[in-house]
Amino acid sequence: MKKIVKVRFKPAGKVYDFESGAFVLNPGDHIIVETEQGLAFGTVVAPPAAYDDESSEKILKKVFRLANENDLEQLKKNHETEKHAYAFCLECIKELELKMNLFAVESTFDASKMTFFFTSEGRVDFRQLVKILVRELNVRIEMRQVGIRNQAKMCGGIGRCGRELCCASFMEKFEPVSIRMAKEQGLSLNPTKISGQCGRLMCCLIYENTTYQELRSKFPKIGKNLETRRGKGKVIRHNVIGDRIAIQLDDDSEIEIGLNEILTQEEQAEK
């Protein structure tokens, strides 16, 4: 029976499975693994665990070896190369007058390929730019256009809550967020108040959405006419967290009551 170890290549990136072999690994260990792009530098996030090789359909790449001082030095050298490539590419973009926002450059561990990440409102003809980069850097070049949310994840930052952006700290992938979630939670629909650093709806709207849906399911719909212990009226607003609703009575006055103050059909019949 073989063992798999979970490895991450970026601080908040996706976690991948690798065959650990005979290596004794612990969370936080730096290792060199085999990937489709060649050898890569990764960090162990979970210790090796046994898995049934026969029942598994996926073919796992292997842990090549533990990282050493030379690997850490290579990683440092790659970072310096990335900085140079980033600065050079920015100058080229300006000279060629390309409408693109370059925000990150990543090199493979063996420095044989560099990927340039950018955002743009439309398609960009970067063929001339690639030729210049290949001539200057003498490596394979890939230009990758990504969305604004991916830019926020890669660059990081501080959210309006005062904490590091969720996407940059622990989220492995983006979940769809809708304006309906903000409505369900009774939040202001002002875009500046429910949008994150990326300008899109905040990812944290997802976290409590299921709870709000469950709580709201026991509330009468807005606009429904009810009879309460304090008179008849129409539901005009929900206070989900407080477990209360606002009622506009027949005399146009407004009150806020708990759900237990709504009369049931039996209580109405007795009354």
C-alpha atoms as a PDB file:
ATOM      1  CA  MET A   1       0.000   0.000   0.000  1.00  0.00           C
ATOM      2  CA  LYS A   2       1.360   3.392  -1.025  1.00  0.00           C
ATOM      3  CA  LYS A   3       1.167   6.717   0.763  1.00  0.00           C
ATOM      4  CA  ILE A   4       0.140  10.141  -0.483  1.00  0.00           C
ATOM      5  CA  VAL A   5       1.201  13.501   0.871  1.00  0.00           C
ATOM      6  CA  LYS A   6      -0.601  16.795   0.343  1.00  0.00           C
ATOM      7  CA  VAL A   7       1.541  19.582  -1.076  1.00  0.00           C
ATOM      8  CA  ARG A   8       0.954  23.254  -1.764  1.00  0.00           C
ATOM      9  CA  PHE A   9       3.058  25.442  -4.065  1.00  0.00           C
ATOM     10  CA  LYS A  10       1.619  28.823  -3.095  1.00  0.00           C
ATOM     11  CA  PRO A  11       0.523  30.182   0.333  1.00  0.00           C
ATOM     12  CA  ALA A  12      -3.207  29.949  -0.455  1.00  0.00           C
ATOM     13  CA  GLY A  13      -2.979  27.823  -3.567  1.00  0.00           C
ATOM     14  CA  LYS A  14      -4.604  24.538  -4.410  1.00  0.00           C
ATOM     15  CA  VAL A  15      -3.447  21.434  -2.536  1.00  0.00           C
ATOM     16  CA  TYR A  16      -2.125  18.578  -4.669  1.00  0.00           C
ATOM     17  CA  ASP A  17      -1.561  14.903  -3.894  1.00  0.00           C
ATOM     18  CA  PHE A  18       1.818  13.261  -4.470  1.00  0.00           C
ATOM     19  CA  GLU A  19       3.160   9.806  -3.767  1.00  0.00           C
ATOM     20  CA  SER A  20       5.462  10.191  -0.768  1.00  0.00           C
ATOM     21  CA  GLY A  21       7.399   6.950  -1.188  1.00  0.00           C
ATOM     22  CA  ALA A  22       9.646   6.159   1.774  1.00  0.00           C
ATOM     23  CA  PHE A  23      10.112   9.788   2.812  1.00  0.00           C
ATOM     24  CA  VAL A  24       9.140  10.734   6.374  1.00  0.00           C
ATOM     25  CA  LEU A  25       7.399  14.084   5.952  1.00  0.00           C
ATOM     26  CA  ASN A  26       5.742  16.545   8.310  1.00  0.00           C
ATOM     27  CA  PRO A  27       3.632  19.668   7.709  1.00  0.00           C
ATOM     28  CA  GLY A  28       5.886  22.603   6.849  1.00  0.00           C
ATOM     29  CA  ASP A  29       8.646  20.506   5.270  1.00  0.00           C
ATOM     30  CA  HIS A  30       9.994  21.785   1.941  1.00  0.00           C
ATOM     31  CA  ILE A  31      10.268  19.180  -0.791  1.00  0.00           C
ATOM     32  CA  ILE A  32      11.032  18.831  -4.487  1.00  0.00           C
ATOM     33  CA  VAL A  33       8.320  17.033  -6.459  1.00  0.00           C
ATOM     34  CA  GLU A  34       7.802  15.882 -10.014  1.00  0.00           C
ATOM     35  CA  THR A  35       5.173  17.796 -12.012  1.00  0.00           C
ATOM     36  CA  GLU A  36       4.153  18.081 -15.642  1.00  0.00           C
ATOM     37  CA  GLN A  37       6.270  21.243 -15.809  1.00  0.00           C
ATOM     38  CA  GLY A  38       9.314  19.464 -14.374  1.00  0.00           C
ATOM     39  CA  LEU A  39      10.637  19.601 -10.817  1.00  0.00           C
ATOM     40  CA  ALA A  40       8.896  22.036  -8.482  1.00  0.00           C
ATOM     41  CA  PHE A  41       9.442  23.383  -4.967  1.00  0.00           C
ATOM     42  CA  GLY A  42       6.514  22.681  -2.630  1.00  0.00           C
ATOM     43  CA  THR A  43       5.527  22.697   1.032  1.00  0.00           C
ATOM     44  CA  VAL A  44       3.911  19.779   2.865  1.00  0.00           C
ATOM     45  CA  VAL A  45       0.502  20.713   4.344  1.00  0.00           C
ATOM     46  CA  ALA A  46      -0.563  17.265   5.615  1.00  0.00           C
ATOM     47  CA  PRO A  47       1.524  14.201   6.591  1.00  0.00           C
ATOM     48  CA  PRO A  48       1.550  11.084   4.371  1.00  0.00           C
ATOM     49  CA  ALA A  49      -1.520   8.869   4.547  1.00  0.00           C
ATOM     50  CA  ALA A  50      -2.088   5.388   3.139  1.00  0.00           C
ATOM     51  CA  TYR A  51      -4.298   4.941   0.077  1.00  0.00           C
ATOM     52  CA  ASP A  52      -5.496   1.962  -1.928  1.00  0.00           C
ATOM     53  CA  ASP A  53      -3.511   2.009  -5.152  1.00  0.00           C
ATOM     54  CA  GLU A  54      -5.777  -0.489  -6.924  1.00  0.00           C
ATOM     55  CA  SER A  55      -9.013   1.409  -6.311  1.00  0.00           C
ATOM     56  CA  SER A  56      -7.524   4.782  -7.290  1.00  0.00           C
ATOM     57  CA  GLU A  57      -7.825   5.787 -10.948  1.00  0.00           C
ATOM     58  CA  LYS A  58      -5.433   8.741 -10.798  1.00  0.00           C
ATOM     59  CA  ILE A  59      -1.731   8.350 -11.402  1.00  0.00           C
ATOM     60  CA  LEU A  60       0.223  10.340  -8.835  1.00  0.00           C
ATOM     61  CA  LYS A  61       3.534  12.068  -9.393  1.00  0.00           C
ATOM     62  CA  LYS A  62       6.232  11.324  -6.850  1.00  0.00           C
ATOM     63  CA  VAL A  63       8.153  13.265  -4.242  1.00  0.00           C
ATOM     64  CA  PHE A  64      11.611  13.547  -5.766  1.00  0.00           C
ATOM     65  CA  ARG A  65      13.560  14.475  -2.632  1.00  0.00           C
ATOM     66  CA  LEU A  66      13.704  16.765   0.374  1.00  0.00           C
ATOM     67  CA  ALA A  67      14.681  20.366  -0.365  1.00  0.00           C
ATOM     68  CA  ASN A  68      18.188  21.430   0.633  1.00  0.00           C
ATOM     69  CA  GLU A  69      20.137  24.676   0.923  1.00  0.00           C
ATOM     70  CA  ASN A  70      20.920  24.703  -2.798  1.00  0.00           C
ATOM     71  CA  ASP A  71      17.200  24.514  -3.558  1.00  0.00           C
ATOM     72  CA  LEU A  72      16.462  27.441  -1.265  1.00  0.00           C
ATOM     73  CA  GLU A  73      19.245  29.384  -2.964  1.00  0.00           C
ATOM     74  CA  GLN A  74      17.761  28.525  -6.369  1.00  0.00           C
ATOM     75  CA  LEU A  75      14.360  29.727  -5.164  1.00  0.00           C
ATOM     76  CA  LYS A  76      15.896  33.018  -4.021  1.00  0.00           C
ATOM     77  CA  LYS A  77      17.655  33.405  -7.372  1.00  0.00           C
ATOM     78  CA  ASN A  78      14.351  32.770  -9.180  1.00  0.00           C
ATOM     79  CA  HIS A  79      12.690  35.555  -7.187  1.00  0.00           C
ATOM     80  CA  GLU A  80      15.415  37.991  -8.253  1.00  0.00           C
ATOM     81  CA  THR A  81      14.980  36.936 -11.871  1.00  0.00           C
ATOM     82  CA  GLU A  82      11.216  37.424 -11.585  1.00  0.00           C
ATOM     83  CA  LYS A  83      11.715  40.970 -10.300  1.00  0.00           C
ATOM     84  CA  HIS A  84      13.994  41.818 -13.217  1.00  0.00           C
ATOM     85  CA  ALA A  85      11.586  40.253 -15.713  1.00  0.00           C
ATOM     86  CA  TYR A  86       8.651  42.158 -14.209  1.00  0.00           C
ATOM     87  CA  ALA A  87      10.401  45.520 -14.443  1.00  0.00           C
ATOM     88  CA  PHE A  88      11.624  44.836 -17.989  1.00  0.00           C
ATOM     89  CA  CYS A  89       8.174  43.702 -19.145  1.00  0.00           C
ATOM     90  CA  LEU A  90       6.556  46.854 -17.747  1.00  0.00           C
ATOM     91  CA  GLU A  91       8.935  48.985 -19.810  1.00  0.00           C
ATOM     92  CA  CYS A  92       8.114  46.979 -22.933  1.00  0.00           C
ATOM     93  CA  ILE A  93       4.365  47.265 -22.337  1.00  0.00           C
ATOM     94  CA  LYS A  94       4.731  51.030 -22.046  1.00  0.00           C
ATOM     95  CA  GLU A  95       6.813  51.283 -25.223  1.00  0.00           C
ATOM     96  CA  LEU A  96       4.436  49.070 -27.207  1.00  0.00           C
ATOM     97  CA  GLU A  97       1.425  50.936 -25.730  1.00  0.00           C
ATOM     98  CA  LEU A  98      -0.382  47.725 -24.854  1.00  0.00           C
ATOM     99  CA  LYS A  99      -3.586  47.987 -22.810  1.00  0.00           C
ATOM    100  CA  MET A 100      -2.747  45.398 -20.174  1.00  0.00           C
ATOM    101  CA  ASN A 101      -2.085  45.452 -16.443  1.00  0.00           C
ATOM    102  CA  LEU A 102       0.882  43.236 -15.585  1.00  0.00           C
ATOM    103  CA  PHE A 103       0.842  42.287 -11.907  1.00  0.00           C
ATOM    104  CA  ALA A 104       2.961  39.162 -11.392  1.00  0.00           C
ATOM    105  CA  VAL A 105       5.696  37.033 -12.918  1.00  0.00           C
ATOM    106  CA  GLU A 106       6.378  33.417 -11.917  1.00  0.00           C
ATOM    107  CA  SER A 107       9.308  31.231 -12.889  1.00  0.00           C
ATOM    108  CA  THR A 108       9.446  27.464 -12.900  1.00  0.00           C
ATOM    109  CA  PHE A 109      11.842  25.993 -10.354  1.00  0.00           C
ATOM    110  CA  ASP A 110      14.458  25.155 -12.992  1.00  0.00           C
ATOM    111  CA  ALA A 111      14.075  28.690 -14.475  1.00  0.00           C
ATOM    112  CA  SER A 112      13.332  27.281 -17.944  1.00  0.00           C
ATOM    113  CA  LYS A 113       9.971  29.019 -18.279  1.00  0.00           C
ATOM    114  CA  MET A 114       8.400  32.261 -17.049  1.00  0.00           C
ATOM    115  CA  THR A 115       4.688  33.065 -16.838  1.00  0.00           C
ATOM    116  CA  PHE A 116       3.513  36.670 -16.968  1.00  0.00           C
ATOM    117  CA  PHE A 117       0.101  37.304 -15.365  1.00  0.00           C
ATOM    118  CA  PHE A 118      -1.977  40.289 -16.423  1.00  0.00           C
ATOM    119  CA  THR A 119      -5.515  41.642 -16.526  1.00  0.00           C
ATOM    120  CA  SER A 120      -7.133  43.493 -19.392  1.00  0.00           C
ATOM    121  CA  GLU A 121     -10.591  44.630 -20.431  1.00  0.00           C
ATOM    122  CA  GLY A 122     -10.259  42.896 -23.796  1.00  0.00           C
ATOM    123  CA  ARG A 123      -7.999  40.743 -25.928  1.00  0.00           C
ATOM    124  CA  VAL A 124      -4.361  41.817 -26.224  1.00  0.00           C
ATOM    125  CA  ASP A 125      -2.029  41.163 -29.139  1.00  0.00           C
ATOM    126  CA  PHE A 126       1.189  40.464 -27.234  1.00  0.00           C
ATOM    127  CA  ARG A 127       3.109  38.609 -29.962  1.00  0.00           C
ATOM    128  CA  GLN A 128       5.696  41.352 -30.339  1.00  0.00           C
ATOM    129  CA  LEU A 129       6.048  41.562 -26.557  1.00  0.00           C
ATOM    130  CA  VAL A 130       6.751  37.820 -26.319  1.00  0.00           C
ATOM    131  CA  LYS A 131       9.490  38.071 -28.956  1.00  0.00           C
ATOM    132  CA  ILE A 132      11.208  40.845 -26.992  1.00  0.00           C
ATOM    133  CA  LEU A 133      10.954  38.905 -23.719  1.00  0.00           C
ATOM    134  CA  VAL A 134      12.364  35.712 -25.241  1.00  0.00           C
ATOM    135  CA  ARG A 135      15.283  37.650 -26.701  1.00  0.00           C
ATOM    136  CA  GLU A 136      16.020  39.351 -23.361  1.00  0.00           C
ATOM    137  CA  LEU A 137      15.387  36.485 -20.905  1.00  0.00           C
ATOM    138  CA  ASN A 138      16.272  33.487 -23.103  1.00  0.00           C
ATOM    139  CA  VAL A 139      13.550  31.265 -21.601  1.00  0.00           C
ATOM    140  CA  ARG A 140      10.126  30.004 -22.655  1.00  0.00           C
ATOM    141  CA  ILE A 141       7.469  32.688 -22.154  1.00  0.00           C
ATOM    142  CA  GLU A 142       3.769  32.330 -21.379  1.00  0.00           C
ATOM    143  CA  MET A 143       1.401  35.296 -21.178  1.00  0.00           C
ATOM    144  CA  ARG A 144      -1.657  34.478 -19.056  1.00  0.00           C
ATOM    145  CA  GLN A 145      -4.674  36.761 -18.857  1.00  0.00           C
ATOM    146  CA  VAL A 146      -6.686  36.236 -15.644  1.00  0.00           C
ATOM    147  CA  GLY A 147      -9.682  37.792 -13.935  1.00  0.00           C
ATOM    148  CA  ILE A 148      -9.612  40.568 -11.358  1.00  0.00           C
ATOM    149  CA  ARG A 149     -10.422  38.143  -8.518  1.00  0.00           C
ATOM    150  CA  ASN A 150      -7.375  36.047  -9.394  1.00  0.00           C
ATOM    151  CA  GLN A 151      -5.269  39.198  -9.291  1.00  0.00           C
ATOM    152  CA  ALA A 152      -6.454  39.919  -5.748  1.00  0.00           C
ATOM    153  CA  LYS A 153      -5.671  36.326  -4.714  1.00  0.00           C
ATOM    154  CA  MET A 154      -2.146  36.477  -6.106  1.00  0.00           C
ATOM    155  CA  CYS A 155      -1.296  39.995  -4.906  1.00  0.00           C
ATOM    156  CA  GLY A 156      -3.003  39.823  -1.489  1.00  0.00           C
ATOM    157  CA  GLY A 157      -4.097  42.766   0.624  1.00  0.00           C
ATOM    158  CA  ILE A 158      -6.226  43.818   3.592  1.00  0.00           C
ATOM    159  CA  GLY A 159     -10.026  43.672   3.488  1.00  0.00           C
ATOM    160  CA  ARG A 160     -12.503  46.116   5.025  1.00  0.00           C
ATOM    161  CA  CYS A 161     -12.642  43.773   8.043  1.00  0.00           C
ATOM    162  CA  GLY A 162      -8.997  44.563   8.783  1.00  0.00           C
ATOM    163  CA  ARG A 163      -7.805  41.033   8.048  1.00  0.00           C
ATOM    164  CA  GLU A 164      -5.832  39.566   5.171  1.00  0.00           C
ATOM    165  CA  LEU A 165      -7.962  38.833   2.107  1.00  0.00           C
ATOM    166  CA  CYS A 166      -9.675  35.446   2.378  1.00  0.00           C
ATOM    167  CA  CYS A 167      -8.691  34.503  -1.176  1.00  0.00           C
ATOM    168  CA  ALA A 168      -5.028  35.199  -0.432  1.00  0.00           C
ATOM    169  CA  SER A 169      -4.912  33.499   2.975  1.00  0.00           C
ATOM    170  CA  PHE A 170      -6.938  30.275   2.872  1.00  0.00           C
ATOM    171  CA  MET A 171      -9.414  30.039  -0.036  1.00  0.00           C
ATOM    172  CA  GLU A 172      -8.280  27.452  -2.574  1.00  0.00           C
ATOM    173  CA  LYS A 173     -10.927  28.294  -5.180  1.00  0.00           C
ATOM    174  CA  PHE A 174     -13.597  30.899  -5.820  1.00  0.00           C
ATOM    175  CA  GLU A 175     -17.265  30.172  -5.212  1.00  0.00           C
ATOM    176  CA  PRO A 176     -20.009  32.050  -7.104  1.00  0.00           C
ATOM    177  CA  VAL A 177     -21.321  35.078  -5.176  1.00  0.00           C
ATOM    178  CA  SER A 178     -24.607  36.807  -6.019  1.00  0.00           C
ATOM    179  CA  ILE A 179     -26.347  40.013  -5.003  1.00  0.00           C
ATOM    180  CA  ARG A 180     -29.174  37.805  -3.679  1.00  0.00           C
ATOM    181  CA  MET A 181     -26.881  36.727  -0.847  1.00  0.00           C
ATOM    182  CA  ALA A 182     -26.539  40.350   0.268  1.00  0.00           C
ATOM    183  CA  LYS A 183     -30.332  40.732   0.128  1.00  0.00           C
ATOM    184  CA  GLU A 184     -30.833  37.558   2.174  1.00  0.00           C
ATOM    185  CA  GLN A 185     -28.551  38.961   4.890  1.00  0.00           C
ATOM    186  CA  GLY A 186     -30.250  42.354   4.934  1.00  0.00           C
ATOM    187  CA  LEU A 187     -27.104  44.203   3.878  1.00  0.00           C
ATOM    188  CA  SER A 188     -26.910  47.534   2.110  1.00  0.00           C
ATOM    189  CA  LEU A 189     -26.909  47.043  -1.658  1.00  0.00           C
ATOM    190  CA  ASN A 190     -24.471  49.924  -2.071  1.00  0.00           C
ATOM    191  CA  PRO A 191     -21.684  48.406  -4.254  1.00  0.00           C
ATOM    192  CA  THR A 192     -18.964  50.192  -2.276  1.00  0.00           C
ATOM    193  CA  LYS A 193     -20.091  48.458   0.941  1.00  0.00           C
ATOM    194  CA  ILE A 194     -20.444  44.879  -0.312  1.00  0.00           C
ATOM    195  CA  SER A 195     -17.521  44.767  -2.730  1.00  0.00           C
ATOM    196  CA  GLY A 196     -14.023  43.553  -1.940  1.00  0.00           C
ATOM    197  CA  GLN A 197     -10.636  44.929  -2.947  1.00  0.00           C
ATOM    198  CA  CYS A 198     -11.068  43.364  -6.372  1.00  0.00           C
ATOM    199  CA  GLY A 199     -14.249  45.328  -7.024  1.00  0.00           C
ATOM    200  CA  ARG A 200     -16.389  42.166  -7.069  1.00  0.00           C
ATOM    201  CA  LEU A 201     -18.885  41.052  -4.421  1.00  0.00           C
ATOM    202  CA  MET A 202     -17.127  40.012  -1.203  1.00  0.00           C
ATOM    203  CA  CYS A 203     -16.444  36.278  -0.951  1.00  0.00           C
ATOM    204  CA  CYS A 204     -17.422  36.315   2.745  1.00  0.00           C
ATOM    205  CA  LEU A 205     -21.079  36.775   1.724  1.00  0.00           C
ATOM    206  CA  ILE A 206     -21.023  33.021   1.132  1.00  0.00           C
ATOM    207  CA  TYR A 207     -20.028  32.047   4.662  1.00  0.00           C
ATOM    208  CA  GLU A 208     -23.286  32.883   6.467  1.00  0.00           C
ATOM    209  CA  ASN A 209     -25.661  32.604   3.520  1.00  0.00           C
ATOM    210  CA  THR A 210     -26.868  29.084   4.373  1.00  0.00           C
ATOM    211  CA  THR A 211     -27.547  30.104   7.999  1.00  0.00           C
ATOM    212  CA  TYR A 212     -29.550  33.141   6.901  1.00  0.00           C
ATOM    213  CA  GLN A 213     -31.573  31.002   4.495  1.00  0.00           C
ATOM    214  CA  GLU A 214     -32.423  28.530   7.269  1.00  0.00           C
ATOM    215  CA  LEU A 215     -33.381  31.291   9.714  1.00  0.00           C
ATOM    216  CA  ARG A 216     -35.399  33.195   7.133  1.00  0.00           C
ATOM    217  CA  SER A 217     -37.384  30.084   6.134  1.00  0.00           C
ATOM    218  CA  LYS A 218     -39.475  30.358   9.337  1.00  0.00           C
ATOM    219  CA  PHE A 219     -40.297  34.048   8.770  1.00  0.00           C
ATOM    220  CA  PRO A 220     -43.539  35.159   7.110  1.00  0.00           C
ATOM    221  CA  LYS A 221     -42.977  36.781   3.707  1.00  0.00           C
ATOM    222  CA  ILE A 222     -42.755  40.549   3.446  1.00  0.00           C
ATOM    223  CA  GLY A 223     -46.134  41.967   2.440  1.00  0.00           C
ATOM    224  CA  LYS A 224     -48.126  39.207   4.147  1.00  0.00           C
ATOM    225  CA  ASN A 225     -51.047  40.268   6.352  1.00  0.00           C
ATOM    226  CA  LEU A 226     -50.904  38.868   9.877  1.00  0.00           C
ATOM    227  CA  GLU A 227     -52.814  39.015  13.105  1.00  0.00           C
ATOM    228  CA  THR A 228     -50.630  39.544  16.184  1.00  0.00           C
ATOM    229  CA  ARG A 229     -51.204  39.976  19.888  1.00  0.00           C
ATOM    230  CA  ARG A 230     -50.959  43.719  19.290  1.00  0.00           C
ATOM    231  CA  GLY A 231     -53.304  43.956  16.325  1.00  0.00           C
ATOM    232  CA  LYS A 232     -53.558  43.227  12.588  1.00  0.00           C
ATOM    233  CA  GLY A 233     -50.918  44.421  10.179  1.00  0.00           C
ATOM    234  CA  LYS A 234     -48.611  43.763   7.247  1.00  0.00           C
ATOM    235  CA  VAL A 235     -45.003  42.497   7.377  1.00  0.00           C
ATOM    236  CA  ILE A 236     -42.655  45.203   6.108  1.00  0.00           C
ATOM    237  CA  ARG A 237     -39.220  44.123   7.357  1.00  0.00           C
ATOM    238  CA  HIS A 238     -37.286  41.165   8.810  1.00  0.00           C
ATOM    239  CA  ASN A 239     -34.732  41.190  11.637  1.00  0.00           C
ATOM    240  CA  VAL A 240     -33.321  37.715  11.112  1.00  0.00           C
ATOM    241  CA  ILE A 241     -30.594  37.876  13.747  1.00  0.00           C
ATOM    242  CA  GLY A 242     -32.949  39.309  16.370  1.00  0.00           C
ATOM    243  CA  ASP A 243     -35.671  36.802  15.435  1.00  0.00           C
ATOM    244  CA  ARG A 244     -38.147  39.682  15.042  1.00  0.00           C
ATOM    245  CA  ILE A 245     -40.264  41.262  12.315  1.00  0.00           C
ATOM    246  CA  ALA A 246     -41.518  44.791  11.699  1.00  0.00           C
ATOM    247  CA  ILE A 247     -45.293  45.144  11.271  1.00  0.00           C
ATOM    248  CA  GLN A 248     -47.275  48.058   9.863  1.00  0.00           C
ATOM    249  CA  LEU A 249     -50.597  48.050  11.677  1.00  0.00           C
ATOM    250  CA  ASP A 250     -53.926  49.005  10.139  1.00  0.00           C
ATOM    251  CA  ASP A 251     -53.645  52.464  11.693  1.00  0.00           C
ATOM    252  CA  ASP A 252     -50.309  52.972   9.804  1.00  0.00           C
ATOM    253  CA  SER A 253     -48.235  52.765  12.997  1.00  0.00           C
ATOM    254  CA  GLU A 254     -45.154  50.524  12.956  1.00  0.00           C
ATOM    255  CA  ILE A 255     -44.137  48.005  15.597  1.00  0.00           C
ATOM    256  CA  GLU A 256     -41.447  45.323  15.912  1.00  0.00           C
ATOM    257  CA  ILE A 257     -42.454  42.023  17.445  1.00  0.00           C
ATOM    258  CA  GLY A 258     -41.027  38.574  18.034  1.00  0.00           C
ATOM    259  CA  LEU A 259     -42.214  35.615  15.981  1.00  0.00           C
ATOM    260  CA  ASN A 260     -43.887  34.209  19.101  1.00  0.00           C
ATOM    261  CA  GLU A 261     -46.291  37.165  19.091  1.00  0.00           C
ATOM    262  CA  ILE A 262     -47.890  36.104  15.808  1.00  0.00           C
ATOM    263  CA  LEU A 263     -51.252  34.447  16.464  1.00  0.00           C
ATOM    264  CA  THR A 264     -51.716  30.921  15.177  1.00  0.00           C
ATOM    265  CA  GLN A 265     -54.941  29.869  13.407  1.00  0.00           C
ATOM    266  CA  GLU A 266     -56.147  28.192  16.626  1.00  0.00           C
ATOM    267  CA  GLU A 267     -55.474  31.340  18.651  1.00  0.00           C
ATOM    268  CA  GLN A 268     -57.264  33.461  16.031  1.00  0.00           C
ATOM    269  CA  ALA A 269     -60.260  31.120  16.165  1.00  0.00           C
ATOM    270  CA  GLU A 270     -60.401  31.340  19.968  1.00  0.00           C
ATOM    271  CA  LYS A 271     -60.153  35.106  19.781  1.00  0.00           C
END
